[in-house]
Amino acid sequence: MPHNHHPAIVKRLKRADGHLQTIIRMIEEGRPCLQIAQQLQAVEGAIENAKKALIHEHITQCLEQPLKTAGPAARATLKEFKLVAKYL
């Protein structure tokens, strides 16, 4: 099943990749550890957000769509799953 938001996720990851390349140069240049750690935190956050977007898109596209015709119990279970998935 095609995913509508994969281009946005790829864009996020490419931006994180560029940022990571900058961090590598910072290390090679001997920049202060505090600056490097701050930048690493930013890259980690960007990757984490891309992962969350991918997971939530999967829930919507691959799980929710097929269950639209399911009974109320299945829809309630999916709704609860989506709520708990926000904490990933």
C-alpha atoms as a PDB file:
ATOM      1  CA  MET A   1       0.000   0.000   0.000  1.00  0.00           C
ATOM      2  CA  PRO A   2       1.526   3.397  -0.925  1.00  0.00           C
ATOM      3  CA  HIS A   3       2.188   5.820   1.865  1.00  0.00           C
ATOM      4  CA  ASN A   4       1.240   9.448   1.399  1.00  0.00           C
ATOM      5  CA  HIS A   5       3.765  10.936   3.777  1.00  0.00           C
ATOM      6  CA  HIS A   6       6.907   9.019   2.905  1.00  0.00           C
ATOM      7  CA  PRO A   7       8.287  11.981   0.908  1.00  0.00           C
ATOM      8  CA  ALA A   8       7.967  14.130   4.027  1.00  0.00           C
ATOM      9  CA  ILE A   9       9.712  11.481   6.103  1.00  0.00           C
ATOM     10  CA  VAL A  10      12.503  11.183   3.539  1.00  0.00           C
ATOM     11  CA  LYS A  11      12.890  14.976   3.626  1.00  0.00           C
ATOM     12  CA  ARG A  12      13.193  14.896   7.427  1.00  0.00           C
ATOM     13  CA  LEU A  13      15.789  12.137   7.295  1.00  0.00           C
ATOM     14  CA  LYS A  14      17.827  13.879   4.598  1.00  0.00           C
ATOM     15  CA  ARG A  15      17.853  17.025   6.721  1.00  0.00           C
ATOM     16  CA  ALA A  16      19.017  14.966   9.725  1.00  0.00           C
ATOM     17  CA  ASP A  17      21.674  13.321   7.558  1.00  0.00           C
ATOM     18  CA  GLY A  18      23.024  16.710   6.499  1.00  0.00           C
ATOM     19  CA  HIS A  19      23.057  17.803  10.105  1.00  0.00           C
ATOM     20  CA  LEU A  20      24.902  14.630  11.081  1.00  0.00           C
ATOM     21  CA  GLN A  21      27.558  15.319   8.451  1.00  0.00           C
ATOM     22  CA  THR A  22      28.030  18.753  10.029  1.00  0.00           C
ATOM     23  CA  ILE A  23      28.466  17.123  13.442  1.00  0.00           C
ATOM     24  CA  ILE A  24      31.135  14.814  12.052  1.00  0.00           C
ATOM     25  CA  ARG A  25      33.019  17.863  10.767  1.00  0.00           C
ATOM     26  CA  MET A  26      32.619  19.508  14.173  1.00  0.00           C
ATOM     27  CA  ILE A  27      34.251  16.493  15.808  1.00  0.00           C
ATOM     28  CA  GLU A  28      37.058  16.445  13.250  1.00  0.00           C
ATOM     29  CA  GLU A  29      37.641  20.174  13.844  1.00  0.00           C
ATOM     30  CA  GLY A  30      37.840  19.651  17.597  1.00  0.00           C
ATOM     31  CA  ARG A  31      34.797  21.734  18.477  1.00  0.00           C
ATOM     32  CA  PRO A  32      33.717  21.767  22.148  1.00  0.00           C
ATOM     33  CA  CYS A  33      31.923  18.645  23.391  1.00  0.00           C
ATOM     34  CA  LEU A  34      28.966  20.664  24.661  1.00  0.00           C
ATOM     35  CA  GLN A  35      28.259  22.015  21.175  1.00  0.00           C
ATOM     36  CA  ILE A  36      28.586  18.549  19.675  1.00  0.00           C
ATOM     37  CA  ALA A  37      26.302  17.004  22.293  1.00  0.00           C
ATOM     38  CA  GLN A  38      23.656  19.675  21.655  1.00  0.00           C
ATOM     39  CA  GLN A  39      23.755  19.000  17.930  1.00  0.00           C
ATOM     40  CA  LEU A  40      23.601  15.242  18.454  1.00  0.00           C
ATOM     41  CA  GLN A  41      20.499  15.761  20.598  1.00  0.00           C
ATOM     42  CA  ALA A  42      18.891  17.704  17.754  1.00  0.00           C
ATOM     43  CA  VAL A  43      19.654  14.931  15.237  1.00  0.00           C
ATOM     44  CA  GLU A  44      18.344  12.302  17.627  1.00  0.00           C
ATOM     45  CA  GLY A  45      15.120  14.273  18.000  1.00  0.00           C
ATOM     46  CA  ALA A  46      14.746  14.609  14.222  1.00  0.00           C
ATOM     47  CA  ILE A  47      15.160  10.870  13.722  1.00  0.00           C
ATOM     48  CA  GLU A  48      12.757  10.125  16.569  1.00  0.00           C
ATOM     49  CA  ASN A  49      10.140  12.412  14.987  1.00  0.00           C
ATOM     50  CA  ALA A  50      10.597  10.702  11.610  1.00  0.00           C
ATOM     51  CA  LYS A  51      10.086   7.321  13.275  1.00  0.00           C
ATOM     52  CA  LYS A  52       6.916   8.509  15.007  1.00  0.00           C
ATOM     53  CA  ALA A  53       5.551   9.944  11.762  1.00  0.00           C
ATOM     54  CA  LEU A  54       6.217   6.649   9.988  1.00  0.00           C
ATOM     55  CA  ILE A  55       4.515   4.603  12.715  1.00  0.00           C
ATOM     56  CA  HIS A  56       1.461   6.862  12.896  1.00  0.00           C
ATOM     57  CA  GLU A  57       1.171   6.873   9.117  1.00  0.00           C
ATOM     58  CA  HIS A  58       1.298   3.081   9.122  1.00  0.00           C
ATOM     59  CA  ILE A  59      -1.479   2.952  11.702  1.00  0.00           C
ATOM     60  CA  THR A  60      -3.652   5.260   9.624  1.00  0.00           C
ATOM     61  CA  GLN A  61      -2.922   3.828   6.180  1.00  0.00           C
ATOM     62  CA  CYS A  62      -2.466   0.124   6.874  1.00  0.00           C
ATOM     63  CA  LEU A  63      -4.596  -0.532   9.935  1.00  0.00           C
ATOM     64  CA  GLU A  64      -7.329   2.073  10.088  1.00  0.00           C
ATOM     65  CA  GLN A  65      -8.394   1.937   6.427  1.00  0.00           C
ATOM     66  CA  PRO A  66      -9.097  -1.833   6.391  1.00  0.00           C
ATOM     67  CA  LEU A  67     -10.965  -1.611   9.713  1.00  0.00           C
ATOM     68  CA  LYS A  68     -13.385   1.102   8.579  1.00  0.00           C
ATOM     69  CA  THR A  69     -15.941  -1.555   7.745  1.00  0.00           C
ATOM     70  CA  ALA A  70     -15.258  -3.580  10.885  1.00  0.00           C
ATOM     71  CA  GLY A  71     -17.616  -3.678  13.798  1.00  0.00           C
ATOM     72  CA  PRO A  72     -17.708  -1.240  16.724  1.00  0.00           C
ATOM     73  CA  ALA A  73     -15.446  -3.425  18.909  1.00  0.00           C
ATOM     74  CA  ALA A  74     -12.671  -3.424  16.297  1.00  0.00           C
ATOM     75  CA  ARG A  75     -12.973   0.327  15.789  1.00  0.00           C
ATOM     76  CA  ALA A  76     -12.860   0.916  19.561  1.00  0.00           C
ATOM     77  CA  THR A  77      -9.752  -1.241  19.854  1.00  0.00           C
ATOM     78  CA  LEU A  78      -8.070   0.677  17.039  1.00  0.00           C
ATOM     79  CA  LYS A  79      -9.003   3.993  18.640  1.00  0.00           C
ATOM     80  CA  GLU A  80      -7.422   2.888  21.916  1.00  0.00           C
ATOM     81  CA  PHE A  81      -4.326   1.650  20.069  1.00  0.00           C
ATOM     82  CA  LYS A  82      -3.936   5.027  18.347  1.00  0.00           C
ATOM     83  CA  LEU A  83      -4.187   6.789  21.694  1.00  0.00           C
ATOM     84  CA  VAL A  84      -1.508   4.651  23.297  1.00  0.00           C
ATOM     85  CA  ALA A  85       0.723   4.903  20.192  1.00  0.00           C
ATOM     86  CA  LYS A  86       1.079   8.631  20.865  1.00  0.00           C
ATOM     87  CA  TYR A  87       3.446   7.644  23.663  1.00  0.00           C
ATOM     88  CA  LEU A  88       5.902   5.853  21.377  1.00  0.00           C
END
